[in-house]
Amino acid sequence: MATFVVAGLASALLLASAASVAAKDRIAIVDEGGIRKEWKLADGAKLAAPAYPAEFAARGDNVCVAVGYAIQADGSTSDFSLLKAWASSTDGDREPAPGFWEGFAQAAGAAVAQWKFAPRPEVAEPRPVYTVATMHFIGREAADPAALRARCAISDLAGYVQKQKWDKYQAGNLTKNELQRFQRLRSSQPAVLAQPIRNGRR
C-alpha cells in the first residue's frame, strides 16, 4: 500500500512537500540517480512503470510527476510524497480537475512501491536514503518522454525540501520552533527526511 503526502502549494491542492521533521527520521537525501553509489536493483527486480489513471484517461493530458520516496535498509520503498507535477492542459502545476494530482501520485507510487533494491556488495552497512523518481504519463498527444520528464525534474532535492519548508513557514503553516529544529537538523547532517502526512491511500 502506498501512502502519500499531498498538500497545498499556492491556492490549490497541488504539490506535496515533506511535512514536519522528526529527529528520529533523519536520513540522507540523495538526488535522482545518486543512489547507485550504495544501492542497486535487487536480483530479479524491475523498475515497474506507472499506469495512466483510468479515471482521467478521457482527458488525455500529458503529465509528469516527481515522487519522493525512501529506500529502507532492507531495500524496500516507503514514505511516498508528490513533490512536483505538470499537466499539459494547464501548462503547469495547476490541478486540471479535482483529485487529478492524487490520482497520478497514487499511480506513480504504486509503481515505486514495487521497486526493490539491494546494497552493493562493497557496502557493509546499507543506510536508508530519501530520493526522487521522475515519471511521465503520455495521453492522447504524442510527446517526447525525456522532455516531458524534464518539466518535473528536481536537480537539488535537499535544497528543494528545505525551500518548501521555508515557504511553509512564510505562509504561516510552519511554526518558528519547527523551522529552527529543521535548520538545526539540516546543519548537523547532510540531509534530513521529513515525516510524511498519511492522507492518501491506494
Protein backbone atom coordinates (compact mmCIF):
# COMPACT_ATOMS: atom_id res chain seq x y z
CA MET A 1 0.00 0.00 0.00
CA ALA A 2 1.39 3.40 -0.97
CA THR A 3 0.74 6.27 1.43
CA PHE A 4 1.20 9.82 0.16
CA VAL A 5 1.75 13.36 1.17
CA VAL A 6 -0.45 15.59 -0.99
CA ALA A 7 -0.60 19.15 0.27
CA GLY A 8 -1.48 22.64 -0.92
CA LEU A 9 1.03 24.92 -2.56
CA ALA A 10 -0.22 28.31 -3.79
CA SER A 11 -4.03 28.38 -3.66
CA ALA A 12 -4.99 24.89 -4.81
CA LEU A 13 -4.29 21.27 -3.97
CA LEU A 14 -1.12 20.93 -5.98
CA LEU A 15 2.25 19.74 -4.85
CA ALA A 16 3.35 17.91 -1.76
CA SER A 17 6.41 18.70 0.28
CA ALA A 18 7.99 16.90 3.16
CA ALA A 19 5.92 17.64 6.27
CA SER A 20 7.09 18.12 9.88
CA VAL A 21 10.63 16.94 10.58
CA ALA A 22 11.20 14.27 13.21
CA ALA A 23 14.73 13.76 14.51
CA LYS A 24 14.33 10.00 14.59
CA ASP A 25 13.71 10.00 10.83
CA ARG A 26 16.95 11.71 9.82
CA ILE A 27 18.33 10.07 6.71
CA ALA A 28 20.40 11.26 3.77
CA ILE A 29 18.64 12.98 0.88
CA VAL A 30 20.07 11.90 -2.46
CA ASP A 31 19.35 13.36 -5.90
CA GLU A 32 17.73 11.19 -8.55
CA GLY A 33 20.26 8.65 -9.81
CA GLY A 34 22.57 9.25 -6.86
CA ILE A 35 21.64 6.04 -5.08
CA ARG A 36 23.77 3.92 -7.41
CA LYS A 37 26.84 4.51 -5.23
CA GLU A 38 25.36 2.33 -2.49
CA TRP A 39 22.27 0.66 -3.96
CA LYS A 40 21.38 -1.45 -6.99
CA LEU A 41 18.23 -3.21 -8.16
CA ALA A 42 17.67 -6.42 -6.26
CA ASP A 43 18.19 -9.62 -8.22
CA GLY A 44 15.20 -10.24 -10.45
CA ALA A 45 13.64 -6.86 -9.65
CA LYS A 46 12.46 -4.45 -12.33
CA LEU A 47 11.58 -0.76 -12.27
CA ALA A 48 7.83 -1.03 -12.70
CA ALA A 49 6.33 1.79 -14.78
CA PRO A 50 3.13 3.58 -13.70
CA ALA A 51 -0.20 3.03 -15.44
CA TYR A 52 -2.20 6.03 -16.65
CA PRO A 53 -5.03 6.61 -14.12
CA ALA A 54 -8.22 5.25 -15.70
CA GLU A 55 -10.39 7.96 -14.18
CA PHE A 56 -8.53 10.66 -16.14
CA ALA A 57 -7.85 8.75 -19.37
CA ALA A 58 -10.65 10.57 -21.22
CA ARG A 59 -8.92 13.91 -20.59
CA GLY A 60 -5.76 12.69 -22.31
CA ASP A 61 -3.33 15.07 -20.60
CA ASN A 62 0.39 14.56 -20.88
CA VAL A 63 1.61 14.55 -17.28
CA CYS A 64 4.81 14.27 -15.30
CA VAL A 65 5.28 13.87 -11.56
CA ALA A 66 8.26 13.84 -9.24
CA VAL A 67 7.64 11.39 -6.41
CA GLY A 68 9.87 11.45 -3.35
CA TYR A 69 10.42 8.13 -1.63
CA ALA A 70 12.63 6.44 0.93
CA ILE A 71 14.71 3.31 0.43
CA GLN A 72 14.80 1.44 3.72
CA ALA A 73 17.73 -0.61 4.99
CA ASP A 74 16.05 -3.78 3.68
CA GLY A 75 15.77 -2.31 0.18
CA SER A 76 12.02 -1.70 0.26
CA THR A 77 10.48 1.68 -0.64
CA SER A 78 8.19 3.82 1.51
CA ASP A 79 7.26 7.38 2.56
CA PHE A 80 5.96 8.49 -0.84
CA SER A 81 5.42 12.21 -1.46
CA LEU A 82 4.27 14.12 -4.53
CA LEU A 83 6.93 16.82 -4.81
CA LYS A 84 6.32 18.31 -8.25
CA ALA A 85 3.80 17.92 -11.06
CA TRP A 86 2.96 19.28 -14.52
CA ALA A 87 -0.02 18.79 -16.84
CA SER A 88 -0.28 19.76 -20.50
CA SER A 89 -3.82 21.12 -20.23
CA THR A 90 -2.80 23.77 -17.69
CA ASP A 91 0.83 24.03 -18.85
CA GLY A 92 1.94 23.95 -15.24
CA ASP A 93 1.17 22.65 -11.78
CA ARG A 94 -2.40 23.97 -11.58
CA GLU A 95 -4.68 21.00 -10.99
CA PRO A 96 -6.82 20.35 -14.11
CA ALA A 97 -9.59 18.57 -12.20
CA PRO A 98 -10.43 17.61 -8.62
CA GLY A 99 -8.39 14.63 -7.48
CA PHE A 100 -6.12 14.85 -10.53
CA TRP A 101 -2.80 15.05 -8.71
CA GLU A 102 -3.87 12.47 -6.17
CA GLY A 103 -4.70 10.04 -8.97
CA PHE A 104 -1.36 10.45 -10.71
CA ALA A 105 0.54 10.39 -7.42
CA GLN A 106 -1.14 7.12 -6.49
CA ALA A 107 -0.33 5.63 -9.89
CA ALA A 108 3.31 6.66 -9.64
CA GLY A 109 3.59 5.48 -6.05
CA ALA A 110 2.01 2.12 -6.86
CA ALA A 111 4.85 1.61 -9.34
CA VAL A 112 7.61 2.75 -6.98
CA ALA A 113 6.17 0.57 -4.21
CA GLN A 114 7.06 -2.45 -6.37
CA TRP A 115 10.70 -1.45 -6.69
CA LYS A 116 13.16 -3.45 -4.63
CA PHE A 117 16.79 -2.56 -4.04
CA ALA A 118 19.83 -4.29 -2.58
CA PRO A 119 23.05 -2.81 -1.22
CA ARG A 120 26.10 -3.08 -3.41
CA PRO A 121 28.47 -5.88 -2.34
CA GLU A 122 31.06 -3.42 -1.05
CA VAL A 123 28.54 -1.70 1.26
CA ALA A 124 28.80 -3.36 4.67
CA GLU A 125 26.05 -1.37 6.39
CA PRO A 126 23.38 -0.09 3.99
CA ARG A 127 21.89 3.24 5.05
CA PRO A 128 18.35 4.34 4.29
CA VAL A 129 18.10 7.23 1.83
CA TYR A 130 15.39 9.58 0.58
CA THR A 131 15.38 10.26 -3.14
CA VAL A 132 13.04 11.10 -6.02
CA ALA A 133 11.71 9.41 -9.15
CA THR A 134 10.51 11.49 -12.12
CA MET A 135 7.78 9.77 -14.12
CA HIS A 136 5.77 10.61 -17.21
CA PHE A 137 2.30 9.73 -18.49
CA ILE A 138 1.57 10.24 -22.18
CA GLY A 139 -2.05 10.93 -23.04
CA ARG A 140 -3.68 11.43 -26.41
CA GLU A 141 -0.97 13.60 -27.96
CA ALA A 142 2.49 12.29 -28.76
CA ALA A 143 5.25 13.69 -26.58
CA ASP A 144 8.96 13.21 -26.09
CA PRO A 145 9.28 11.29 -22.79
CA ALA A 146 12.60 12.90 -21.86
CA ALA A 147 11.28 16.42 -22.49
CA LEU A 148 8.13 15.62 -20.51
CA ARG A 149 10.08 14.29 -17.53
CA ALA A 150 12.35 17.33 -17.64
CA ARG A 151 9.40 19.53 -16.67
CA CYS A 152 9.28 17.79 -13.28
CA ALA A 153 12.98 17.16 -12.73
CA ILE A 154 14.43 18.27 -9.38
CA SER A 155 18.18 18.83 -9.63
CA ASP A 156 18.82 19.59 -5.93
CA LEU A 157 16.44 17.51 -3.83
CA ALA A 158 17.84 18.55 -0.44
CA GLY A 159 17.59 22.21 -1.39
CA TYR A 160 14.08 21.68 -2.76
CA VAL A 161 12.89 20.13 0.51
CA GLN A 162 14.48 22.93 2.51
CA LYS A 163 12.87 25.60 0.31
CA GLN A 164 9.43 24.05 0.75
CA LYS A 165 9.97 24.11 4.49
CA TRP A 166 10.81 27.81 4.30
CA ASP A 167 7.82 28.53 2.05
CA LYS A 168 5.58 26.73 4.53
CA TYR A 169 6.95 28.89 7.33
CA GLN A 170 6.49 32.07 5.30
CA ALA A 171 2.89 31.08 4.67
CA GLY A 172 2.35 30.64 8.39
CA ASN A 173 1.98 26.86 8.20
CA LEU A 174 5.23 26.06 10.00
CA THR A 175 5.98 27.33 13.47
CA LYS A 176 9.20 29.14 14.27
CA ASN A 177 10.26 26.28 16.55
CA GLU A 178 9.66 23.74 13.78
CA LEU A 179 11.72 25.81 11.37
CA GLN A 180 14.57 26.19 13.87
CA ARG A 181 14.51 22.46 14.53
CA PHE A 182 14.63 21.79 10.79
CA GLN A 183 17.58 24.16 10.35
CA ARG A 184 19.46 22.55 13.25
CA LEU A 185 18.96 19.10 11.79
CA ARG A 186 19.85 20.35 8.32
CA SER A 187 23.16 21.81 9.55
CA SER A 188 24.08 18.80 11.67
CA GLN A 189 23.57 16.27 8.88
CA PRO A 190 23.90 16.48 5.08
CA ALA A 191 20.17 15.98 4.68
CA VAL A 192 17.05 15.01 6.56
CA LEU A 193 13.80 13.36 5.66
CA ALA A 194 10.54 14.79 6.85
CA GLN A 195 7.79 12.64 8.26
CA PRO A 196 5.00 12.33 5.67
CA ILE A 197 1.35 13.01 6.40
CA ARG A 198 -0.88 10.00 5.84
CA ASN A 199 -3.84 11.31 3.89
CA GLY A 200 -3.85 9.37 0.65
CA ARG A 201 -4.12 5.63 0.20
CA ARG A 202 -4.18 3.10 -2.55
